[in-house]
Amino acid sequence: MKLFKILALSCFILVAAAGLQPAQAQPGQMSEVEFSSAPQTQIEMADTLRQDGKIYVVVVVLLTVLVGTIAYLVTIDRKVSRLEKQLKDDLVNK
């Protein structure tokens, strides 16, 4: 059950962090990201992936790996919990 609490807390933190927006600088102030007066360039790789529709493949692969890892951790946690209970029962019965 500890694993479920940890996973739930991690998911909550990830969702909360994804919803945060970076702070905007006040007019006349320089933001921390803006170091020079040169115009900011766009990331070409992200634009290309988005235009070709391949960004969705990347997202699906990442989500598949994440879900697989979580499922594996849950099954391992269940097995360990079962073994701990069995060991405890064996020690009590002796």
PDB file of N, CA and C in Angstrom:
ATOM      1  N   MET A   1       0.808  -1.191   0.000  1.00  0.00           N
ATOM      2  CA  MET A   1       0.000   0.000   0.000  1.00  0.00           C
ATOM      3  C   MET A   1       0.855   1.260   0.000  1.00  0.00           C
ATOM      4  N   LYS A   2       2.076   1.160   0.508  1.00  0.00           N
ATOM      5  CA  LYS A   2       2.954   2.324   0.502  1.00  0.00           C
ATOM      6  C   LYS A   2       3.249   2.758  -0.929  1.00  0.00           C
ATOM      7  N   LEU A   3       3.395   1.760  -1.822  1.00  0.00           N
ATOM      8  CA  LEU A   3       3.699   2.065  -3.212  1.00  0.00           C
ATOM      9  C   LEU A   3       2.575   2.864  -3.854  1.00  0.00           C
ATOM     10  N   PHE A   4       1.332   2.509  -3.553  1.00  0.00           N
ATOM     11  CA  PHE A   4       0.197   3.226  -4.118  1.00  0.00           C
ATOM     12  C   PHE A   4       0.179   4.676  -3.646  1.00  0.00           C
ATOM     13  N   LYS A   5       0.515   4.911  -2.396  1.00  0.00           N
ATOM     14  CA  LYS A   5       0.560   6.278  -1.883  1.00  0.00           C
ATOM     15  C   LYS A   5       1.664   7.075  -2.562  1.00  0.00           C
ATOM     16  N   ILE A   6       2.813   6.442  -2.739  1.00  0.00           N
ATOM     17  CA  ILE A   6       3.935   7.115  -3.398  1.00  0.00           C
ATOM     18  C   ILE A   6       3.589   7.427  -4.847  1.00  0.00           C
ATOM     19  N   LEU A   7       2.982   6.456  -5.561  1.00  0.00           N
ATOM     20  CA  LEU A   7       2.607   6.682  -6.952  1.00  0.00           C
ATOM     21  C   LEU A   7       1.538   7.771  -7.072  1.00  0.00           C
ATOM     22  N   ALA A   8       0.573   7.763  -6.165  1.00  0.00           N
ATOM     23  CA  ALA A   8      -0.469   8.778  -6.210  1.00  0.00           C
ATOM     24  C   ALA A   8       0.114  10.172  -5.960  1.00  0.00           C
ATOM     25  N   LEU A   9       1.008  10.269  -4.993  1.00  0.00           N
ATOM     26  CA  LEU A   9       1.646  11.547  -4.702  1.00  0.00           C
ATOM     27  C   LEU A   9       2.504  12.013  -5.882  1.00  0.00           C
ATOM     28  N   SER A  10       3.223  11.098  -6.507  1.00  0.00           N
ATOM     29  CA  SER A  10       4.054  11.446  -7.660  1.00  0.00           C
ATOM     30  C   SER A  10       3.201  11.939  -8.817  1.00  0.00           C
ATOM     31  N   CYS A  11       2.092  11.249  -9.067  1.00  0.00           N
ATOM     32  CA  CYS A  11       1.199  11.673 -10.146  1.00  0.00           C
ATOM     33  C   CYS A  11       0.611  13.045  -9.857  1.00  0.00           C
ATOM     34  N   PHE A  12       0.235  13.280  -8.607  1.00  0.00           N
ATOM     35  CA  PHE A  12      -0.321  14.576  -8.232  1.00  0.00           C
ATOM     36  C   PHE A  12       0.703  15.685  -8.450  1.00  0.00           C
ATOM     37  N   ILE A  13       1.941  15.433  -8.064  1.00  0.00           N
ATOM     38  CA  ILE A  13       2.998  16.428  -8.226  1.00  0.00           C
ATOM     39  C   ILE A  13       3.261  16.694  -9.715  1.00  0.00           C
ATOM     40  N   LEU A  14       3.279  15.646 -10.535  1.00  0.00           N
ATOM     41  CA  LEU A  14       3.500  15.827 -11.970  1.00  0.00           C
ATOM     42  C   LEU A  14       2.375  16.623 -12.614  1.00  0.00           C
ATOM     43  N   VAL A  15       1.138  16.329 -12.242  1.00  0.00           N
ATOM     44  CA  VAL A  15       0.009  17.061 -12.805  1.00  0.00           C
ATOM     45  C   VAL A  15       0.049  18.514 -12.360  1.00  0.00           C
ATOM     46  N   ALA A  16       0.372  18.742 -11.088  1.00  0.00           N
ATOM     47  CA  ALA A  16       0.449  20.110 -10.585  1.00  0.00           C
ATOM     48  C   ALA A  16       1.577  20.879 -11.274  1.00  0.00           C
ATOM     49  N   ALA A  17       2.715  20.229 -11.486  1.00  0.00           N
ATOM     50  CA  ALA A  17       3.845  20.900 -12.127  1.00  0.00           C
ATOM     51  C   ALA A  17       3.557  21.188 -13.595  1.00  0.00           C
ATOM     52  N   ALA A  18       2.800  20.319 -14.245  1.00  0.00           N
ATOM     53  CA  ALA A  18       2.476  20.533 -15.658  1.00  0.00           C
ATOM     54  C   ALA A  18       1.541  21.717 -15.840  1.00  0.00           C
ATOM     55  N   GLY A  19       0.745  22.009 -14.824  1.00  0.00           N
ATOM     56  CA  GLY A  19      -0.194  23.110 -14.922  1.00  0.00           C
ATOM     57  C   GLY A  19       0.406  24.461 -14.614  1.00  0.00           C
ATOM     58  N   LEU A  20       1.607  24.490 -14.070  1.00  0.00           N
ATOM     59  CA  LEU A  20       2.238  25.765 -13.723  1.00  0.00           C
ATOM     60  C   LEU A  20       2.739  26.471 -14.977  1.00  0.00           C
ATOM     61  N   GLN A  21       2.564  27.757 -15.008  1.00  0.00           N
ATOM     62  CA  GLN A  21       3.057  28.572 -16.112  1.00  0.00           C
ATOM     63  C   GLN A  21       4.233  29.394 -15.613  1.00  0.00           C
ATOM     64  N   PRO A  22       5.261  29.589 -16.432  1.00  0.00           N
ATOM     65  CA  PRO A  22       6.375  30.427 -15.990  1.00  0.00           C
ATOM     66  C   PRO A  22       5.926  31.867 -15.785  1.00  0.00           C
ATOM     67  N   ALA A  23       6.525  32.519 -14.822  1.00  0.00           N
ATOM     68  CA  ALA A  23       6.166  33.908 -14.506  1.00  0.00           C
ATOM     69  C   ALA A  23       6.619  34.820 -15.635  1.00  0.00           C
ATOM     70  N   GLN A  24       5.784  35.774 -15.961  1.00  0.00           N
ATOM     71  CA  GLN A  24       6.105  36.739 -17.003  1.00  0.00           C
ATOM     72  C   GLN A  24       6.795  37.941 -16.371  1.00  0.00           C
ATOM     73  N   ALA A  25       7.775  38.485 -17.076  1.00  0.00           N
ATOM     74  CA  ALA A  25       8.493  39.654 -16.572  1.00  0.00           C
ATOM     75  C   ALA A  25       7.622  40.892 -16.740  1.00  0.00           C
ATOM     76  N   GLN A  26       7.778  41.826 -15.839  1.00  0.00           N
ATOM     77  CA  GLN A  26       7.068  43.095 -15.918  1.00  0.00           C
ATOM     78  C   GLN A  26       7.661  43.912 -17.066  1.00  0.00           C
ATOM     79  N   PRO A  27       6.879  44.799 -17.664  1.00  0.00           N
ATOM     80  CA  PRO A  27       7.424  45.636 -18.739  1.00  0.00           C
ATOM     81  C   PRO A  27       8.617  46.446 -18.231  1.00  0.00           C
ATOM     82  N   GLY A  28       9.673  46.441 -18.995  1.00  0.00           N
ATOM     83  CA  GLY A  28      10.865  47.190 -18.614  1.00  0.00           C
ATOM     84  C   GLY A  28      11.859  46.350 -17.832  1.00  0.00           C
ATOM     85  N   GLN A  29      11.462  45.156 -17.404  1.00  0.00           N
ATOM     86  CA  GLN A  29      12.368  44.278 -16.668  1.00  0.00           C
ATOM     87  C   GLN A  29      12.828  43.155 -17.583  1.00  0.00           C
ATOM     88  N   MET A  30      14.011  42.667 -17.298  1.00  0.00           N
ATOM     89  CA  MET A  30      14.537  41.562 -18.077  1.00  0.00           C
ATOM     90  C   MET A  30      14.221  40.263 -17.342  1.00  0.00           C
ATOM     91  N   SER A  31      13.658  39.297 -18.040  1.00  0.00           N
ATOM     92  CA  SER A  31      13.359  38.021 -17.398  1.00  0.00           C
ATOM     93  C   SER A  31      14.638  37.204 -17.265  1.00  0.00           C
ATOM     94  N   GLU A  32      14.581  36.168 -16.435  1.00  0.00           N
ATOM     95  CA  GLU A  32      15.763  35.345 -16.200  1.00  0.00           C
ATOM     96  C   GLU A  32      16.158  34.565 -17.445  1.00  0.00           C
ATOM     97  N   VAL A  33      15.180  34.241 -18.287  1.00  0.00           N
ATOM     98  CA  VAL A  33      15.456  33.462 -19.482  1.00  0.00           C
ATOM     99  C   VAL A  33      16.056  34.325 -20.573  1.00  0.00           C
ATOM    100  N   GLU A  34      15.738  35.589 -20.567  1.00  0.00           N
ATOM    101  CA  GLU A  34      16.146  36.509 -21.614  1.00  0.00           C
ATOM    102  C   GLU A  34      17.493  37.137 -21.262  1.00  0.00           C
ATOM    103  N   PHE A  35      18.569  36.651 -21.864  1.00  0.00           N
ATOM    104  CA  PHE A  35      19.905  37.139 -21.539  1.00  0.00           C
ATOM    105  C   PHE A  35      20.407  38.165 -22.543  1.00  0.00           C
ATOM    106  N   SER A  36      19.865  38.155 -23.735  1.00  0.00           N
ATOM    107  CA  SER A  36      20.326  39.104 -24.744  1.00  0.00           C
ATOM    108  C   SER A  36      19.119  39.710 -25.446  1.00  0.00           C
ATOM    109  N   SER A  37      19.392  40.715 -26.233  1.00  0.00           N
ATOM    110  CA  SER A  37      18.298  41.356 -26.960  1.00  0.00           C
ATOM    111  C   SER A  37      18.033  40.671 -28.295  1.00  0.00           C
ATOM    112  N   ALA A  38      18.763  39.602 -28.587  1.00  0.00           N
ATOM    113  CA  ALA A  38      18.559  38.873 -29.836  1.00  0.00           C
ATOM    114  C   ALA A  38      17.208  38.155 -29.779  1.00  0.00           C
ATOM    115  N   PRO A  39      16.527  38.059 -30.905  1.00  0.00           N
ATOM    116  CA  PRO A  39      15.225  37.375 -30.912  1.00  0.00           C
ATOM    117  C   PRO A  39      15.389  35.884 -30.591  1.00  0.00           C
ATOM    118  N   GLN A  40      14.394  35.355 -29.893  1.00  0.00           N
ATOM    119  CA  GLN A  40      14.425  33.942 -29.526  1.00  0.00           C
ATOM    120  C   GLN A  40      14.080  33.108 -30.755  1.00  0.00           C
ATOM    121  N   THR A  41      14.842  32.040 -30.983  1.00  0.00           N
ATOM    122  CA  THR A  41      14.581  31.160 -32.111  1.00  0.00           C
ATOM    123  C   THR A  41      13.715  29.998 -31.647  1.00  0.00           C
ATOM    124  N   GLN A  42      12.905  29.501 -32.546  1.00  0.00           N
ATOM    125  CA  GLN A  42      12.053  28.357 -32.255  1.00  0.00           C
ATOM    126  C   GLN A  42      12.867  27.075 -32.395  1.00  0.00           C
ATOM    127  N   ILE A  43      12.460  26.054 -31.690  1.00  0.00           N
ATOM    128  CA  ILE A  43      13.121  24.755 -31.788  1.00  0.00           C
ATOM    129  C   ILE A  43      12.583  24.055 -33.024  1.00  0.00           C
ATOM    130  N   GLU A  44      13.452  23.839 -33.980  1.00  0.00           N
ATOM    131  CA  GLU A  44      13.017  23.285 -35.259  1.00  0.00           C
ATOM    132  C   GLU A  44      12.584  21.839 -35.149  1.00  0.00           C
ATOM    133  N   MET A  45      13.252  21.056 -34.299  1.00  0.00           N
ATOM    134  CA  MET A  45      12.912  19.646 -34.179  1.00  0.00           C
ATOM    135  C   MET A  45      11.476  19.477 -33.690  1.00  0.00           C
ATOM    136  N   ALA A  46      11.084  20.247 -32.681  1.00  0.00           N
ATOM    137  CA  ALA A  46       9.727  20.139 -32.150  1.00  0.00           C
ATOM    138  C   ALA A  46       8.701  20.557 -33.196  1.00  0.00           C
ATOM    139  N   ASP A  47       9.005  21.618 -33.949  1.00  0.00           N
ATOM    140  CA  ASP A  47       8.081  22.060 -34.991  1.00  0.00           C
ATOM    141  C   ASP A  47       7.948  21.005 -36.082  1.00  0.00           C
ATOM    142  N   THR A  48       9.064  20.407 -36.456  1.00  0.00           N
ATOM    143  CA  THR A  48       9.040  19.382 -37.496  1.00  0.00           C
ATOM    144  C   THR A  48       8.243  18.169 -37.039  1.00  0.00           C
ATOM    145  N   LEU A  49       8.481  17.720 -35.806  1.00  0.00           N
ATOM    146  CA  LEU A  49       7.739  16.571 -35.285  1.00  0.00           C
ATOM    147  C   LEU A  49       6.248  16.878 -35.204  1.00  0.00           C
ATOM    148  N   ARG A  50       5.920  18.091 -34.808  1.00  0.00           N
ATOM    149  CA  ARG A  50       4.512  18.480 -34.692  1.00  0.00           C
ATOM    150  C   ARG A  50       3.861  18.542 -36.077  1.00  0.00           C
ATOM    151  N   GLN A  51       4.561  19.073 -37.061  1.00  0.00           N
ATOM    152  CA  GLN A  51       4.000  19.188 -38.415  1.00  0.00           C
ATOM    153  C   GLN A  51       3.795  17.823 -39.052  1.00  0.00           C
ATOM    154  N   ASP A  52       4.733  16.914 -38.827  1.00  0.00           N
ATOM    155  CA  ASP A  52       4.644  15.579 -39.421  1.00  0.00           C
ATOM    156  C   ASP A  52       3.707  14.661 -38.641  1.00  0.00           C
ATOM    157  N   GLY A  53       3.280  15.083 -37.460  1.00  0.00           N
ATOM    158  CA  GLY A  53       2.403  14.249 -36.648  1.00  0.00           C
ATOM    159  C   GLY A  53       3.158  13.199 -35.856  1.00  0.00           C
ATOM    160  N   LYS A  54       4.470  13.254 -35.888  1.00  0.00           N
ATOM    161  CA  LYS A  54       5.273  12.256 -35.185  1.00  0.00           C
ATOM    162  C   LYS A  54       5.380  12.538 -33.688  1.00  0.00           C
ATOM    163  N   ILE A  55       5.012  13.734 -33.273  1.00  0.00           N
ATOM    164  CA  ILE A  55       5.077  14.058 -31.851  1.00  0.00           C
ATOM    165  C   ILE A  55       4.140  13.152 -31.079  1.00  0.00           C
ATOM    166  N   TYR A  56       3.035  12.753 -31.712  1.00  0.00           N
ATOM    167  CA  TYR A  56       2.091  11.858 -31.059  1.00  0.00           C
ATOM    168  C   TYR A  56       2.692  10.479 -30.842  1.00  0.00           C
ATOM    169  N   VAL A  57       3.538  10.048 -31.760  1.00  0.00           N
ATOM    170  CA  VAL A  57       4.222   8.770 -31.597  1.00  0.00           C
ATOM    171  C   VAL A  57       5.157   8.837 -30.397  1.00  0.00           C
ATOM    172  N   VAL A  58       5.862   9.937 -30.263  1.00  0.00           N
ATOM    173  CA  VAL A  58       6.770  10.122 -29.131  1.00  0.00           C
ATOM    174  C   VAL A  58       5.988  10.104 -27.820  1.00  0.00           C
ATOM    175  N   VAL A  59       4.864  10.802 -27.785  1.00  0.00           N
ATOM    176  CA  VAL A  59       4.043  10.854 -26.573  1.00  0.00           C
ATOM    177  C   VAL A  59       3.508   9.458 -26.233  1.00  0.00           C
ATOM    178  N   VAL A  60       3.039   8.726 -27.234  1.00  0.00           N
ATOM    179  CA  VAL A  60       2.503   7.380 -26.999  1.00  0.00           C
ATOM    180  C   VAL A  60       3.593   6.451 -26.475  1.00  0.00           C
ATOM    181  N   VAL A  61       4.776   6.530 -27.035  1.00  0.00           N
ATOM    182  CA  VAL A  61       5.876   5.678 -26.572  1.00  0.00           C
ATOM    183  C   VAL A  61       6.241   6.009 -25.127  1.00  0.00           C
ATOM    184  N   LEU A  62       6.341   7.292 -24.808  1.00  0.00           N
ATOM    185  CA  LEU A  62       6.657   7.693 -23.437  1.00  0.00           C
ATOM    186  C   LEU A  62       5.589   7.242 -22.461  1.00  0.00           C
ATOM    187  N   LEU A  63       4.320   7.408 -22.820  1.00  0.00           N
ATOM    188  CA  LEU A  63       3.235   6.964 -21.952  1.00  0.00           C
ATOM    189  C   LEU A  63       3.232   5.447 -21.784  1.00  0.00           C
ATOM    190  N   THR A  64       3.542   4.713 -22.850  1.00  0.00           N
ATOM    191  CA  THR A  64       3.607   3.252 -22.768  1.00  0.00           C
ATOM    192  C   THR A  64       4.706   2.812 -21.812  1.00  0.00           C
ATOM    193  N   VAL A  65       5.856   3.434 -21.908  1.00  0.00           N
ATOM    194  CA  VAL A  65       6.958   3.099 -21.003  1.00  0.00           C
ATOM    195  C   VAL A  65       6.585   3.440 -19.566  1.00  0.00           C
ATOM    196  N   LEU A  66       5.969   4.587 -19.348  1.00  0.00           N
ATOM    197  CA  LEU A  66       5.570   4.997 -18.009  1.00  0.00           C
ATOM    198  C   LEU A  66       4.530   4.049 -17.423  1.00  0.00           C
ATOM    199  N   VAL A  67       3.504   3.714 -18.195  1.00  0.00           N
ATOM    200  CA  VAL A  67       2.459   2.798 -17.713  1.00  0.00           C
ATOM    201  C   VAL A  67       3.044   1.417 -17.458  1.00  0.00           C
ATOM    202  N   GLY A  68       3.912   0.952 -18.329  1.00  0.00           N
ATOM    203  CA  GLY A  68       4.549  -0.357 -18.129  1.00  0.00           C
ATOM    204  C   GLY A  68       5.388  -0.390 -16.866  1.00  0.00           C
ATOM    205  N   THR A  69       6.130   0.670 -16.611  1.00  0.00           N
ATOM    206  CA  THR A  69       6.952   0.741 -15.406  1.00  0.00           C
ATOM    207  C   THR A  69       6.092   0.758 -14.149  1.00  0.00           C
ATOM    208  N   ILE A  70       5.011   1.522 -14.180  1.00  0.00           N
ATOM    209  CA  ILE A  70       4.117   1.575 -13.020  1.00  0.00           C
ATOM    210  C   ILE A  70       3.455   0.217 -12.797  1.00  0.00           C
ATOM    211  N   ALA A  71       3.004  -0.428 -13.863  1.00  0.00           N
ATOM    212  CA  ALA A  71       2.387  -1.751 -13.732  1.00  0.00           C
ATOM    213  C   ALA A  71       3.388  -2.759 -13.161  1.00  0.00           C
ATOM    214  N   TYR A  72       4.621  -2.709 -13.622  1.00  0.00           N
ATOM    215  CA  TYR A  72       5.652  -3.604 -13.102  1.00  0.00           C
ATOM    216  C   TYR A  72       5.894  -3.359 -11.614  1.00  0.00           C
ATOM    217  N   LEU A  73       5.972  -2.098 -11.214  1.00  0.00           N
ATOM    218  CA  LEU A  73       6.173  -1.786  -9.794  1.00  0.00           C
ATOM    219  C   LEU A  73       5.009  -2.262  -8.938  1.00  0.00           C
ATOM    220  N   VAL A  74       3.800  -2.139  -9.442  1.00  0.00           N
ATOM    221  CA  VAL A  74       2.625  -2.592  -8.693  1.00  0.00           C
ATOM    222  C   VAL A  74       2.652  -4.109  -8.520  1.00  0.00           C
ATOM    223  N   THR A  75       2.989  -4.844  -9.582  1.00  0.00           N
ATOM    224  CA  THR A  75       3.032  -6.303  -9.459  1.00  0.00           C
ATOM    225  C   THR A  75       4.145  -6.742  -8.511  1.00  0.00           C
ATOM    226  N   ILE A  76       5.285  -6.105  -8.568  1.00  0.00           N
ATOM    227  CA  ILE A  76       6.374  -6.436  -7.651  1.00  0.00           C
ATOM    228  C   ILE A  76       5.967  -6.129  -6.210  1.00  0.00           C
ATOM    229  N   ASP A  77       5.284  -5.001  -5.989  1.00  0.00           N
ATOM    230  CA  ASP A  77       4.825  -4.646  -4.651  1.00  0.00           C
ATOM    231  C   ASP A  77       3.850  -5.689  -4.123  1.00  0.00           C
ATOM    232  N   ARG A  78       2.938  -6.145  -4.950  1.00  0.00           N
ATOM    233  CA  ARG A  78       1.979  -7.175  -4.522  1.00  0.00           C
ATOM    234  C   ARG A  78       2.693  -8.477  -4.167  1.00  0.00           C
ATOM    235  N   LYS A  79       3.658  -8.874  -4.967  1.00  0.00           N
ATOM    236  CA  LYS A  79       4.391 -10.108  -4.691  1.00  0.00           C
ATOM    237  C   LYS A  79       5.169 -10.007  -3.380  1.00  0.00           C
ATOM    238  N   VAL A  80       5.827  -8.870  -3.175  1.00  0.00           N
ATOM    239  CA  VAL A  80       6.602  -8.682  -1.941  1.00  0.00           C
ATOM    240  C   VAL A  80       5.670  -8.650  -0.740  1.00  0.00           C
ATOM    241  N   SER A  81       4.523  -7.984  -0.862  1.00  0.00           N
ATOM    242  CA  SER A  81       3.558  -7.950   0.241  1.00  0.00           C
ATOM    243  C   SER A  81       3.056  -9.348   0.568  1.00  0.00           C
ATOM    244  N   ARG A  82       2.784 -10.143  -0.450  1.00  0.00           N
ATOM    245  CA  ARG A  82       2.326 -11.521  -0.245  1.00  0.00           C
ATOM    246  C   ARG A  82       3.410 -12.345   0.458  1.00  0.00           C
ATOM    247  N   LEU A  83       4.655 -12.187   0.024  1.00  0.00           N
ATOM    248  CA  LEU A  83       5.749 -12.925   0.658  1.00  0.00           C
ATOM    249  C   LEU A  83       5.961 -12.479   2.105  1.00  0.00           C
ATOM    250  N   GLU A  84       5.848 -11.194   2.374  1.00  0.00           N
ATOM    251  CA  GLU A  84       5.983 -10.705   3.745  1.00  0.00           C
ATOM    252  C   GLU A  84       4.895 -11.273   4.641  1.00  0.00           C
ATOM    253  N   LYS A  85       3.668 -11.303   4.125  1.00  0.00           N
ATOM    254  CA  LYS A  85       2.561 -11.856   4.902  1.00  0.00           C
ATOM    255  C   LYS A  85       2.765 -13.338   5.156  1.00  0.00           C
ATOM    256  N   GLN A  86       3.212 -14.053   4.138  1.00  0.00           N
ATOM    257  CA  GLN A  86       3.455 -15.489   4.287  1.00  0.00           C
ATOM    258  C   GLN A  86       4.567 -15.740   5.301  1.00  0.00           C
ATOM    259  N   LEU A  87       5.617 -14.959   5.269  1.00  0.00           N
ATOM    260  CA  LEU A  87       6.720 -15.106   6.213  1.00  0.00           C
ATOM    261  C   LEU A  87       6.259 -14.794   7.629  1.00  0.00           C
ATOM    262  N   LYS A  88       5.447 -13.774   7.779  1.00  0.00           N
ATOM    263  CA  LYS A  88       4.925 -13.414   9.091  1.00  0.00           C
ATOM    264  C   LYS A  88       4.033 -14.522   9.635  1.00  0.00           C
ATOM    265  N   ASP A  89       3.182 -15.078   8.785  1.00  0.00           N
ATOM    266  CA  ASP A  89       2.302 -16.180   9.203  1.00  0.00           C
ATOM    267  C   ASP A  89       3.109 -17.409   9.588  1.00  0.00           C
ATOM    268  N   ASP A  90       4.179 -17.700   8.840  1.00  0.00           N
ATOM    269  CA  ASP A  90       5.022 -18.849   9.161  1.00  0.00           C
ATOM    270  C   ASP A  90       5.717 -18.661  10.494  1.00  0.00           C
ATOM    271  N   LEU A  91       6.171 -17.445  10.792  1.00  0.00           N
ATOM    272  CA  LEU A  91       6.855 -17.182  12.064  1.00  0.00           C
ATOM    273  C   LEU A  91       5.873 -17.276  13.243  1.00  0.00           C
ATOM    274  N   VAL A  92       4.643 -16.857  13.028  1.00  0.00           N
ATOM    275  CA  VAL A  92       3.644 -16.892  14.106  1.00  0.00           C
ATOM    276  C   VAL A  92       3.235 -18.331  14.387  1.00  0.00           C
ATOM    277  N   ASN A  93       3.113 -19.159  13.354  1.00  0.00           N
ATOM    278  CA  ASN A  93       2.670 -20.544  13.521  1.00  0.00           C
ATOM    279  C   ASN A  93       3.722 -21.442  14.143  1.00  0.00           C
ATOM    280  N   LYS A  94       4.962 -21.067  14.107  1.00  0.00           N
ATOM    281  CA  LYS A  94       6.020 -21.931  14.665  1.00  0.00           C
ATOM    282  C   LYS A  94       6.102 -21.845  16.123  1.00  0.00           C
TER     283      LYS A  94
END
